[in-house]
Amino acid sequence: MGRLTGKIAFISGTRAGIGRGAAQVFAAEGAKVFGCDINLEADADTVALVEKAGGVMTSLALRLRVIRLPGRLGHFGVHPDVVAGIRRA
């Protein structure tokens, strides 16, 4: 049982790099990961990696400009316990 078991983590930028790594770590710790990236096709690789390792992840094509997510995610039926915003400069 991981530290995030029973939690929902929303992570942006999950197609590669830090976002992908965060998705893998959070899922390994038991969180259900709700990821997003502007490139949903590339993000499918992250979903596959997480699921292959026994984690749970779903992803959405989404471009974020302002992180005001906790309230807005309710629109998708997601109420996250952890929010991680990963952004490239």
C-alpha atoms as a PDB file:
ATOM      1  CA  MET A   1       0.000   0.000   0.000  1.00  0.00           C
ATOM      2  CA  GLY A   2       1.541   3.305  -1.110  1.00  0.00           C
ATOM      3  CA  ARG A   3       1.411   6.754   0.430  1.00  0.00           C
ATOM      4  CA  LEU A   4      -1.156   7.915  -2.137  1.00  0.00           C
ATOM      5  CA  THR A   5      -3.495   4.911  -2.115  1.00  0.00           C
ATOM      6  CA  GLY A   6      -7.078   6.051  -2.555  1.00  0.00           C
ATOM      7  CA  LYS A   7      -6.041   9.503  -3.798  1.00  0.00           C
ATOM      8  CA  ILE A   8      -6.563  11.124  -7.192  1.00  0.00           C
ATOM      9  CA  ALA A   9      -3.628  13.022  -8.689  1.00  0.00           C
ATOM     10  CA  PHE A  10      -4.084  15.523 -11.524  1.00  0.00           C
ATOM     11  CA  ILE A  11      -0.817  15.994 -13.401  1.00  0.00           C
ATOM     12  CA  SER A  12      -0.296  18.198 -16.438  1.00  0.00           C
ATOM     13  CA  GLY A  13       2.350  17.640 -19.088  1.00  0.00           C
ATOM     14  CA  THR A  14       2.363  13.863 -18.741  1.00  0.00           C
ATOM     15  CA  ARG A  15       3.515  12.941 -22.253  1.00  0.00           C
ATOM     16  CA  ALA A  16       7.237  13.119 -21.339  1.00  0.00           C
ATOM     17  CA  GLY A  17       9.909  14.323 -18.947  1.00  0.00           C
ATOM     18  CA  ILE A  18       9.008  15.441 -15.443  1.00  0.00           C
ATOM     19  CA  GLY A  19       5.269  15.061 -16.055  1.00  0.00           C
ATOM     20  CA  ARG A  20       5.696  11.461 -17.196  1.00  0.00           C
ATOM     21  CA  GLY A  21       7.973  10.726 -14.242  1.00  0.00           C
ATOM     22  CA  ALA A  22       5.494  12.277 -11.815  1.00  0.00           C
ATOM     23  CA  ALA A  23       2.660  10.186 -13.258  1.00  0.00           C
ATOM     24  CA  GLN A  24       4.708   7.015 -12.841  1.00  0.00           C
ATOM     25  CA  VAL A  25       5.769   7.818  -9.273  1.00  0.00           C
ATOM     26  CA  PHE A  26       2.312   8.926  -8.131  1.00  0.00           C
ATOM     27  CA  ALA A  27       0.733   5.798  -9.659  1.00  0.00           C
ATOM     28  CA  ALA A  28       3.392   3.585  -8.066  1.00  0.00           C
ATOM     29  CA  GLU A  29       2.451   5.156  -4.723  1.00  0.00           C
ATOM     30  CA  GLY A  30      -1.176   4.133  -5.308  1.00  0.00           C
ATOM     31  CA  ALA A  31      -2.781   7.279  -6.729  1.00  0.00           C
ATOM     32  CA  LYS A  32      -5.233   7.141  -9.599  1.00  0.00           C
ATOM     33  CA  VAL A  33      -3.647   9.520 -12.096  1.00  0.00           C
ATOM     34  CA  PHE A  34      -5.650  11.927 -14.246  1.00  0.00           C
ATOM     35  CA  GLY A  35      -3.103  13.284 -16.724  1.00  0.00           C
ATOM     36  CA  CYS A  36      -3.279  15.802 -19.504  1.00  0.00           C
ATOM     37  CA  ASP A  37      -1.119  17.053 -22.310  1.00  0.00           C
ATOM     38  CA  ILE A  38      -1.632  18.892 -25.586  1.00  0.00           C
ATOM     39  CA  ASN A  39      -0.421  15.783 -27.430  1.00  0.00           C
ATOM     40  CA  LEU A  40      -2.806  12.988 -26.479  1.00  0.00           C
ATOM     41  CA  GLU A  41      -1.226  10.491 -28.886  1.00  0.00           C
ATOM     42  CA  ALA A  42       2.183  10.846 -27.226  1.00  0.00           C
ATOM     43  CA  ASP A  43       0.551  10.787 -23.807  1.00  0.00           C
ATOM     44  CA  ALA A  44      -0.833   7.339 -24.619  1.00  0.00           C
ATOM     45  CA  ASP A  45       2.714   6.031 -24.133  1.00  0.00           C
ATOM     46  CA  THR A  46       2.700   7.336 -20.554  1.00  0.00           C
ATOM     47  CA  VAL A  47      -0.692   5.760 -19.878  1.00  0.00           C
ATOM     48  CA  ALA A  48       0.653   2.446 -21.205  1.00  0.00           C
ATOM     49  CA  LEU A  49       3.767   2.665 -18.987  1.00  0.00           C
ATOM     50  CA  VAL A  50       1.698   3.393 -15.891  1.00  0.00           C
ATOM     51  CA  GLU A  51      -0.769   0.590 -16.626  1.00  0.00           C
ATOM     52  CA  LYS A  52       2.008  -1.884 -17.447  1.00  0.00           C
ATOM     53  CA  ALA A  53       3.460  -1.208 -13.995  1.00  0.00           C
ATOM     54  CA  GLY A  54       0.043  -1.925 -12.422  1.00  0.00           C
ATOM     55  CA  GLY A  55      -1.089   1.677 -11.984  1.00  0.00           C
ATOM     56  CA  VAL A  56      -4.284   3.425 -13.022  1.00  0.00           C
ATOM     57  CA  MET A  57      -4.188   6.431 -15.353  1.00  0.00           C
ATOM     58  CA  THR A  58      -6.439   8.212 -17.783  1.00  0.00           C
ATOM     59  CA  SER A  59      -5.502  11.182 -19.918  1.00  0.00           C
ATOM     60  CA  LEU A  60      -7.138  14.098 -21.657  1.00  0.00           C
ATOM     61  CA  ALA A  61      -5.914  16.386 -24.443  1.00  0.00           C
ATOM     62  CA  LEU A  62      -5.813  19.750 -22.754  1.00  0.00           C
ATOM     63  CA  ARG A  63      -3.753  22.919 -23.035  1.00  0.00           C
ATOM     64  CA  LEU A  64      -3.401  24.751 -19.751  1.00  0.00           C
ATOM     65  CA  ARG A  65      -2.652  28.432 -19.563  1.00  0.00           C
ATOM     66  CA  VAL A  66      -3.742  29.208 -16.023  1.00  0.00           C
ATOM     67  CA  ILE A  67      -3.707  26.661 -13.249  1.00  0.00           C
ATOM     68  CA  ARG A  68      -7.027  27.057 -11.501  1.00  0.00           C
ATOM     69  CA  LEU A  69      -7.713  23.398 -11.768  1.00  0.00           C
ATOM     70  CA  PRO A  70      -9.152  22.066  -8.542  1.00  0.00           C
ATOM     71  CA  GLY A  71     -12.465  23.875  -9.047  1.00  0.00           C
ATOM     72  CA  ARG A  72     -12.605  23.377 -12.810  1.00  0.00           C
ATOM     73  CA  LEU A  73     -11.884  19.656 -12.728  1.00  0.00           C
ATOM     74  CA  GLY A  74     -15.291  19.071 -11.181  1.00  0.00           C
ATOM     75  CA  HIS A  75     -16.603  19.668 -14.707  1.00  0.00           C
ATOM     76  CA  PHE A  76     -14.958  16.362 -15.669  1.00  0.00           C
ATOM     77  CA  GLY A  77     -16.158  14.609 -12.508  1.00  0.00           C
ATOM     78  CA  VAL A  78     -12.638  14.670 -11.054  1.00  0.00           C
ATOM     79  CA  HIS A  79     -11.955  15.947  -7.560  1.00  0.00           C
ATOM     80  CA  PRO A  80      -8.184  15.561  -7.092  1.00  0.00           C
ATOM     81  CA  ASP A  81      -6.350  15.148  -3.827  1.00  0.00           C
ATOM     82  CA  VAL A  82      -3.012  16.110  -5.429  1.00  0.00           C
ATOM     83  CA  VAL A  83      -2.427  18.627  -8.229  1.00  0.00           C
ATOM     84  CA  ALA A  84       0.959  18.810  -9.972  1.00  0.00           C
ATOM     85  CA  GLY A  85       1.435  21.381 -12.720  1.00  0.00           C
ATOM     86  CA  ILE A  86       4.370  20.627 -14.961  1.00  0.00           C
ATOM     87  CA  ARG A  87       5.175  23.294 -17.550  1.00  0.00           C
ATOM     88  CA  ARG A  88       7.979  23.855 -19.993  1.00  0.00           C
ATOM     89  CA  ALA A  89       9.438  27.343 -20.116  1.00  0.00           C
END
